[in-house]
Structures are given as structure tokens and as C-alpha cells.
Amino acid sequence: MPSEEECQFRADLIEWGTENRREYPWREPDRTLYEVFVAEFFLTQTPADNVEAVYPRFLEQFPTLDEIEEASEEELVEAIEPLGFQNMRAGALKQIASTHDHLPTDPDSLMDLPRVGHYVANATLCFARGDQLPVLDRNVERVYSRVFRDTWPETESDQLAFTQRFVPGQARAYNLALLDFGALVCQNEPLCEQCFANDYCVYFRER
């Protein structure tokens, strides 16, 4: 069960997120599982603003996995090139499209796809379908490890279990707020004076 401070963080974060949410095309309502997956696949190691510049054109050219399967790898590389890692990404997408008519709808099966890890799988299912799954990338890890420094576990499996207990029924709103909070406030150089968690953040208390 979450502690009192963990419950407070969850409530505070959701409230913060309603007023500070960033808007991106992949966050629009009714995005398909494929459309969300493409965004999350591209967002790995790539700034969101860079992905935003490529994302609409990519979906126009490749609206489903069928179009990716029919395209040449060179066409995919050209479409993805502004994001970097274009050969790796194009090869992985081509392999996925050649073996799947539709994307899997459970995290373990998604993680079986090439170049798909916990974050992409969980984020895709949470943001496309509202599945009650944690998202854990470097920015999110930074937030949790600061606010809950005394109890933050060391291994990825324990970290996923730790974050799972935070995720409420409003999983999509919570996880989007978590990503935005890590990007806007709890940055590498944190803006502690703007943070709602000062009363219980271990990092703030011990700095």
C-alpha cells in the first residue's frame, strides 16, 4: 500500500498536471494504438519537439503497419532521418510490420518486439488505452529517486514494482503529468522553488 506521502504526491501531481500539461499531437484524444506506439518509439532518446516535427508527416505517409510493410527500408530511413538512429529504427519498424498485422495489446508481447522496452510498451498501452501501468524512463526515475530517496530501490524490476503502486485509475493523466513534471520542474537542475512536493521531498530536505 502507498504511504501517506506517496498518496499525497500522487494527488498533488495529478492536480499539477491539469494546469501544466504539455500538448503534443500524439496526446490528442482517440489516437490509435499504432499512432501512440509510433510516437513513443520515436521519443526514446529523442526530444519531444524533434518528434513533433516529424510525427504528422510520418503518419500521413505510413498510417498503418501495412504501409510500413509495403515501403522500402530506404523510404523509412528517409522519413525518420531527422530524428537520428534512423537505420536502427527503420529496421525495427520494418521487422515489426513484416511479422504483425496488428500491434500486441499486452506489455509482455509488446516488449518482445525489436527495440521495445518497458517504457515504450507501458506508455503505449497506458496512453492509447488507459491501462494502469507505470512508465519509467530516466526523467521519471529522477523524480522518484529525489522525492522518495530513502525508499527508492536500485534494480529496474524493484523500481517498476515501486512505481506500480502509485498508478491510480486515472493512469493516463497521472503518467502524462509525471513526464511533464520531470521535463518542466524536476529537471537535471531542479526548479525546487516551483515544486509542490517541498513538504515531503527528501532531496529538497537534504540539499
C-alpha atoms as a PDB file:
ATOM      1  CA  MET A   1       0.000   0.000   0.000  1.00  0.00           C
ATOM      2  CA  PRO A   2       1.253   3.529  -0.743  1.00  0.00           C
ATOM      3  CA  SER A   3       2.370   5.582   2.233  1.00  0.00           C
ATOM      4  CA  GLU A   4       0.690   8.838   3.212  1.00  0.00           C
ATOM      5  CA  GLU A   5       3.428  10.821   1.462  1.00  0.00           C
ATOM      6  CA  GLU A   6       3.136   8.663  -1.659  1.00  0.00           C
ATOM      7  CA  CYS A   7      -0.622   9.247  -1.777  1.00  0.00           C
ATOM      8  CA  GLN A   8      -0.053  12.972  -1.309  1.00  0.00           C
ATOM      9  CA  PHE A   9       2.455  13.030  -4.167  1.00  0.00           C
ATOM     10  CA  ARG A  10       0.023  11.244  -6.458  1.00  0.00           C
ATOM     11  CA  ALA A  11      -2.809  13.667  -5.681  1.00  0.00           C
ATOM     12  CA  ASP A  12      -0.563  16.722  -5.943  1.00  0.00           C
ATOM     13  CA  LEU A  13       0.906  15.547  -9.241  1.00  0.00           C
ATOM     14  CA  ILE A  14      -2.471  14.968 -10.897  1.00  0.00           C
ATOM     15  CA  GLU A  15      -3.629  18.424  -9.782  1.00  0.00           C
ATOM     16  CA  TRP A  16      -0.405  19.980 -11.091  1.00  0.00           C
ATOM     17  CA  GLY A  17      -0.812  18.144 -14.378  1.00  0.00           C
ATOM     18  CA  THR A  18      -4.265  19.576 -15.060  1.00  0.00           C
ATOM     19  CA  GLU A  19      -2.755  23.085 -15.137  1.00  0.00           C
ATOM     20  CA  ASN A  20       0.632  22.383 -16.721  1.00  0.00           C
ATOM     21  CA  ARG A  21       0.095  19.685 -19.312  1.00  0.00           C
ATOM     22  CA  ARG A  22       2.137  19.950 -22.494  1.00  0.00           C
ATOM     23  CA  GLU A  23       0.251  19.463 -25.740  1.00  0.00           C
ATOM     24  CA  TYR A  24       1.593  17.191 -28.468  1.00  0.00           C
ATOM     25  CA  PRO A  25      -0.186  15.609 -31.451  1.00  0.00           C
ATOM     26  CA  TRP A  26       0.229  12.064 -30.100  1.00  0.00           C
ATOM     27  CA  ARG A  27      -1.634  13.123 -26.947  1.00  0.00           C
ATOM     28  CA  GLU A  28      -4.782  14.030 -28.848  1.00  0.00           C
ATOM     29  CA  PRO A  29      -7.911  12.048 -27.923  1.00  0.00           C
ATOM     30  CA  ASP A  30      -8.722   8.869 -29.829  1.00  0.00           C
ATOM     31  CA  ARG A  31      -5.215   8.213 -31.103  1.00  0.00           C
ATOM     32  CA  THR A  32      -4.943   4.567 -32.140  1.00  0.00           C
ATOM     33  CA  LEU A  33      -2.588   2.104 -30.501  1.00  0.00           C
ATOM     34  CA  TYR A  34      -0.386   2.260 -33.591  1.00  0.00           C
ATOM     35  CA  GLU A  35      -0.249   6.068 -33.588  1.00  0.00           C
ATOM     36  CA  VAL A  36       0.719   6.213 -29.916  1.00  0.00           C
ATOM     37  CA  PHE A  37       3.256   3.434 -30.400  1.00  0.00           C
ATOM     38  CA  VAL A  38       4.966   5.317 -33.234  1.00  0.00           C
ATOM     39  CA  ALA A  39       5.302   8.401 -31.033  1.00  0.00           C
ATOM     40  CA  GLU A  40       6.657   6.522 -28.028  1.00  0.00           C
ATOM     41  CA  PHE A  41       9.015   4.525 -30.238  1.00  0.00           C
ATOM     42  CA  PHE A  42      10.413   7.778 -31.646  1.00  0.00           C
ATOM     43  CA  LEU A  43      10.533   9.562 -28.274  1.00  0.00           C
ATOM     44  CA  THR A  44      13.138   7.154 -26.935  1.00  0.00           C
ATOM     45  CA  GLN A  45      16.382   9.168 -26.669  1.00  0.00           C
ATOM     46  CA  THR A  46      14.848  11.972 -28.754  1.00  0.00           C
ATOM     47  CA  PRO A  47      13.430  15.346 -27.596  1.00  0.00           C
ATOM     48  CA  ALA A  48       9.676  15.688 -27.965  1.00  0.00           C
ATOM     49  CA  ASP A  49       9.953  18.831 -30.099  1.00  0.00           C
ATOM     50  CA  ASN A  50      12.067  16.918 -32.639  1.00  0.00           C
ATOM     51  CA  VAL A  51       9.496  14.133 -32.792  1.00  0.00           C
ATOM     52  CA  GLU A  52       6.672  16.639 -33.178  1.00  0.00           C
ATOM     53  CA  ALA A  53       8.315  17.970 -36.346  1.00  0.00           C
ATOM     54  CA  VAL A  54       8.389  14.509 -37.961  1.00  0.00           C
ATOM     55  CA  TYR A  55       5.370  12.718 -36.475  1.00  0.00           C
ATOM     56  CA  PRO A  56       2.471  14.107 -38.595  1.00  0.00           C
ATOM     57  CA  ARG A  57       4.312  13.582 -41.865  1.00  0.00           C
ATOM     58  CA  PHE A  58       5.311  10.059 -40.884  1.00  0.00           C
ATOM     59  CA  LEU A  59       1.715   9.083 -40.058  1.00  0.00           C
ATOM     60  CA  GLU A  60       0.494  10.621 -43.305  1.00  0.00           C
ATOM     61  CA  GLN A  61       2.986   8.523 -45.231  1.00  0.00           C
ATOM     62  CA  PHE A  62       2.636   5.380 -43.088  1.00  0.00           C
ATOM     63  CA  PRO A  63      -0.827   5.445 -41.449  1.00  0.00           C
ATOM     64  CA  THR A  64      -0.746   1.729 -40.504  1.00  0.00           C
ATOM     65  CA  LEU A  65       1.665  -1.171 -40.236  1.00  0.00           C
ATOM     66  CA  ASP A  66       0.563  -2.258 -43.715  1.00  0.00           C
ATOM     67  CA  GLU A  67       2.151   0.813 -45.309  1.00  0.00           C
ATOM     68  CA  ILE A  68       5.367   0.199 -43.375  1.00  0.00           C
ATOM     69  CA  GLU A  69       5.465  -3.387 -44.616  1.00  0.00           C
ATOM     70  CA  GLU A  70       4.971  -2.262 -48.215  1.00  0.00           C
ATOM     71  CA  ALA A  71       7.570   0.507 -48.013  1.00  0.00           C
ATOM     72  CA  SER A  72      11.243   0.024 -48.703  1.00  0.00           C
ATOM     73  CA  GLU A  73      13.650   0.381 -45.829  1.00  0.00           C
ATOM     74  CA  GLU A  74      15.195   3.313 -47.674  1.00  0.00           C
ATOM     75  CA  GLU A  75      11.847   5.150 -47.601  1.00  0.00           C
ATOM     76  CA  LEU A  76      11.574   4.559 -43.879  1.00  0.00           C
ATOM     77  CA  VAL A  77      15.135   5.716 -43.255  1.00  0.00           C
ATOM     78  CA  GLU A  78      14.480   8.930 -45.178  1.00  0.00           C
ATOM     79  CA  ALA A  79      11.281   9.631 -43.194  1.00  0.00           C
ATOM     80  CA  ILE A  80      12.964   9.016 -39.836  1.00  0.00           C
ATOM     81  CA  GLU A  81      16.363  10.566 -40.586  1.00  0.00           C
ATOM     82  CA  PRO A  82      15.725  13.921 -38.814  1.00  0.00           C
ATOM     83  CA  LEU A  83      15.309  12.028 -35.522  1.00  0.00           C
ATOM     84  CA  GLY A  84      18.592  10.147 -35.663  1.00  0.00           C
ATOM     85  CA  PHE A  85      19.099   6.391 -35.194  1.00  0.00           C
ATOM     86  CA  GLN A  86      17.219   6.119 -38.497  1.00  0.00           C
ATOM     87  CA  ASN A  87      18.715   2.830 -39.671  1.00  0.00           C
ATOM     88  CA  MET A  88      18.035   1.090 -36.374  1.00  0.00           C
ATOM     89  CA  ARG A  89      14.537   2.494 -36.114  1.00  0.00           C
ATOM     90  CA  ALA A  90      13.634   1.776 -39.723  1.00  0.00           C
ATOM     91  CA  GLY A  91      14.918  -1.791 -39.470  1.00  0.00           C
ATOM     92  CA  ALA A  92      12.952  -2.439 -36.289  1.00  0.00           C
ATOM     93  CA  LEU A  93       9.724  -0.999 -37.682  1.00  0.00           C
ATOM     94  CA  LYS A  94      10.142  -2.996 -40.877  1.00  0.00           C
ATOM     95  CA  GLN A  95      10.654  -6.181 -38.870  1.00  0.00           C
ATOM     96  CA  ILE A  96       7.590  -5.465 -36.714  1.00  0.00           C
ATOM     97  CA  ALA A  97       5.399  -4.775 -39.746  1.00  0.00           C
ATOM     98  CA  SER A  98       6.575  -7.891 -41.547  1.00  0.00           C
ATOM     99  CA  THR A  99       5.599 -10.150 -38.633  1.00  0.00           C
ATOM    100  CA  HIS A 100       2.475  -8.458 -37.224  1.00  0.00           C
ATOM    101  CA  ASP A 101      -0.811  -7.381 -38.783  1.00  0.00           C
ATOM    102  CA  HIS A 102      -1.647  -5.546 -35.572  1.00  0.00           C
ATOM    103  CA  LEU A 103       0.340  -4.492 -32.534  1.00  0.00           C
ATOM    104  CA  PRO A 104       0.008  -6.685 -29.436  1.00  0.00           C
ATOM    105  CA  THR A 105      -2.193  -5.364 -26.645  1.00  0.00           C
ATOM    106  CA  ASP A 106      -0.298  -6.631 -23.609  1.00  0.00           C
ATOM    107  CA  PRO A 107       3.026  -5.291 -22.312  1.00  0.00           C
ATOM    108  CA  ASP A 108       4.961  -8.561 -22.409  1.00  0.00           C
ATOM    109  CA  SER A 109       4.114  -9.176 -26.060  1.00  0.00           C
ATOM    110  CA  LEU A 110       4.945  -5.596 -26.968  1.00  0.00           C
ATOM    111  CA  MET A 111       8.319  -5.971 -25.254  1.00  0.00           C
ATOM    112  CA  ASP A 112       9.011  -8.979 -27.460  1.00  0.00           C
ATOM    113  CA  LEU A 113       9.115  -6.604 -30.441  1.00  0.00           C
ATOM    114  CA  PRO A 114      12.529  -5.355 -31.568  1.00  0.00           C
ATOM    115  CA  ARG A 115      13.814  -2.219 -29.827  1.00  0.00           C
ATOM    116  CA  VAL A 116      10.801  -2.078 -27.479  1.00  0.00           C
ATOM    117  CA  GLY A 117      11.410  -1.973 -23.738  1.00  0.00           C
ATOM    118  CA  HIS A 118       9.333  -1.445 -20.609  1.00  0.00           C
ATOM    119  CA  TYR A 119       8.832   2.251 -21.190  1.00  0.00           C
ATOM    120  CA  VAL A 120       7.597   2.076 -24.787  1.00  0.00           C
ATOM    121  CA  ALA A 121       5.330  -0.896 -24.057  1.00  0.00           C
ATOM    122  CA  ASN A 122       3.761   0.557 -20.920  1.00  0.00           C
ATOM    123  CA  ALA A 123       3.476   4.100 -22.278  1.00  0.00           C
ATOM    124  CA  THR A 124       1.803   2.864 -25.460  1.00  0.00           C
ATOM    125  CA  LEU A 125      -0.829   0.864 -23.605  1.00  0.00           C
ATOM    126  CA  CYS A 126      -1.406   3.498 -20.945  1.00  0.00           C
ATOM    127  CA  PHE A 127      -1.721   6.480 -23.269  1.00  0.00           C
ATOM    128  CA  ALA A 128      -3.674   4.680 -26.006  1.00  0.00           C
ATOM    129  CA  ARG A 129      -5.968   2.565 -23.823  1.00  0.00           C
ATOM    130  CA  GLY A 130      -5.679   3.851 -20.263  1.00  0.00           C
ATOM    131  CA  ASP A 131      -4.072   0.656 -18.981  1.00  0.00           C
ATOM    132  CA  GLN A 132      -2.983   1.017 -15.342  1.00  0.00           C
ATOM    133  CA  LEU A 133       0.739   0.619 -15.975  1.00  0.00           C
ATOM    134  CA  PRO A 134       3.761   2.590 -14.726  1.00  0.00           C
ATOM    135  CA  VAL A 135       6.026   4.494 -17.093  1.00  0.00           C
ATOM    136  CA  LEU A 136       9.680   4.601 -16.148  1.00  0.00           C
ATOM    137  CA  ASP A 137      12.318   6.453 -18.121  1.00  0.00           C
ATOM    138  CA  ARG A 138      15.332   8.478 -16.977  1.00  0.00           C
ATOM    139  CA  ASN A 139      13.288  11.585 -16.255  1.00  0.00           C
ATOM    140  CA  VAL A 140      10.704   9.677 -14.234  1.00  0.00           C
ATOM    141  CA  GLU A 141      13.424   7.811 -12.371  1.00  0.00           C
ATOM    142  CA  ARG A 142      14.984  11.157 -11.466  1.00  0.00           C
ATOM    143  CA  VAL A 143      11.684  12.403  -9.989  1.00  0.00           C
ATOM    144  CA  TYR A 144      11.015   9.339  -7.865  1.00  0.00           C
ATOM    145  CA  SER A 145      14.622   8.980  -6.735  1.00  0.00           C
ATOM    146  CA  ARG A 146      14.628  12.570  -5.473  1.00  0.00           C
ATOM    147  CA  VAL A 147      11.237  12.768  -3.815  1.00  0.00           C
ATOM    148  CA  PHE A 148      11.499   9.276  -2.283  1.00  0.00           C
ATOM    149  CA  ARG A 149      15.274   8.988  -1.984  1.00  0.00           C
ATOM    150  CA  ASP A 150      15.112   6.943   1.245  1.00  0.00           C
ATOM    151  CA  THR A 151      12.953   4.183  -0.237  1.00  0.00           C
ATOM    152  CA  TRP A 152      13.781   4.255  -3.969  1.00  0.00           C
ATOM    153  CA  PRO A 153      15.046   0.776  -4.973  1.00  0.00           C
ATOM    154  CA  GLU A 154      18.176   0.093  -7.014  1.00  0.00           C
ATOM    155  CA  THR A 155      17.114  -2.539  -9.544  1.00  0.00           C
ATOM    156  CA  GLU A 156      14.798  -1.915 -12.503  1.00  0.00           C
ATOM    157  CA  SER A 157      12.394  -4.705 -11.523  1.00  0.00           C
ATOM    158  CA  ASP A 158      12.037  -3.288  -7.998  1.00  0.00           C
ATOM    159  CA  GLN A 159      11.660   0.227  -9.395  1.00  0.00           C
ATOM    160  CA  LEU A 160       8.812  -0.913 -11.627  1.00  0.00           C
ATOM    161  CA  ALA A 161       7.118  -2.555  -8.658  1.00  0.00           C
ATOM    162  CA  PHE A 162       7.637   0.621  -6.622  1.00  0.00           C
ATOM    163  CA  THR A 163       6.123   2.856  -9.289  1.00  0.00           C
ATOM    164  CA  GLN A 164       3.235   0.479  -9.992  1.00  0.00           C
ATOM    165  CA  ARG A 165       1.677   1.196  -6.622  1.00  0.00           C
ATOM    166  CA  PHE A 166       1.478   4.897  -7.460  1.00  0.00           C
ATOM    167  CA  VAL A 167      -0.546   4.472 -10.652  1.00  0.00           C
ATOM    168  CA  PRO A 168      -4.221   5.288  -9.996  1.00  0.00           C
ATOM    169  CA  GLY A 169      -7.300   4.572 -12.061  1.00  0.00           C
ATOM    170  CA  GLN A 170      -6.517   7.874 -13.784  1.00  0.00           C
ATOM    171  CA  ALA A 171      -3.380   6.235 -15.141  1.00  0.00           C
ATOM    172  CA  ARG A 172      -3.145   8.297 -18.313  1.00  0.00           C
ATOM    173  CA  ALA A 173      -3.483  11.641 -16.521  1.00  0.00           C
ATOM    174  CA  TYR A 174      -1.039  10.603 -13.811  1.00  0.00           C
ATOM    175  CA  ASN A 175       1.664   9.322 -16.149  1.00  0.00           C
ATOM    176  CA  LEU A 176       1.418  12.299 -18.501  1.00  0.00           C
ATOM    177  CA  ALA A 177       1.734  14.633 -15.518  1.00  0.00           C
ATOM    178  CA  LEU A 178       4.743  12.664 -14.296  1.00  0.00           C
ATOM    179  CA  LEU A 179       6.523  13.042 -17.633  1.00  0.00           C
ATOM    180  CA  ASP A 180       5.704  16.745 -17.813  1.00  0.00           C
ATOM    181  CA  PHE A 181       6.803  17.361 -14.231  1.00  0.00           C
ATOM    182  CA  GLY A 182      10.168  15.733 -14.918  1.00  0.00           C
ATOM    183  CA  ALA A 183      10.605  17.843 -18.038  1.00  0.00           C
ATOM    184  CA  LEU A 184       9.441  21.184 -16.644  1.00  0.00           C
ATOM    185  CA  VAL A 185      10.243  21.214 -12.914  1.00  0.00           C
ATOM    186  CA  CYS A 186      12.278  18.272 -11.638  1.00  0.00           C
ATOM    187  CA  GLN A 187      14.930  18.715 -14.309  1.00  0.00           C
ATOM    188  CA  ASN A 188      18.630  17.899 -14.074  1.00  0.00           C
ATOM    189  CA  GLU A 189      18.871  21.308 -12.392  1.00  0.00           C
ATOM    190  CA  PRO A 190      15.577  21.188 -10.483  1.00  0.00           C
ATOM    191  CA  LEU A 191      13.330  24.215 -10.028  1.00  0.00           C
ATOM    192  CA  CYS A 192      12.630  23.427  -6.403  1.00  0.00           C
ATOM    193  CA  GLU A 193      11.029  26.802  -5.713  1.00  0.00           C
ATOM    194  CA  GLN A 194       8.261  25.835  -8.164  1.00  0.00           C
ATOM    195  CA  CYS A 195       7.724  22.325  -6.771  1.00  0.00           C
ATOM    196  CA  PHE A 196       4.594  21.211  -4.950  1.00  0.00           C
ATOM    197  CA  ALA A 197       6.478  18.427  -3.132  1.00  0.00           C
ATOM    198  CA  ASN A 198       8.749  20.540  -0.935  1.00  0.00           C
ATOM    199  CA  ASP A 199       6.980  19.456   2.253  1.00  0.00           C
ATOM    200  CA  TYR A 200       7.914  15.806   1.753  1.00  0.00           C
ATOM    201  CA  CYS A 201      10.668  15.645  -0.912  1.00  0.00           C
ATOM    202  CA  VAL A 202      13.791  14.057   0.588  1.00  0.00           C
ATOM    203  CA  TYR A 203      16.049  15.714  -1.979  1.00  0.00           C
ATOM    204  CA  PHE A 204      14.724  19.177  -1.075  1.00  0.00           C
ATOM    205  CA  ARG A 205      15.011  18.498   2.647  1.00  0.00           C
ATOM    206  CA  GLU A 206      18.603  17.259   2.445  1.00  0.00           C
ATOM    207  CA  ARG A 207      20.099  19.552  -0.179  1.00  0.00           C
END
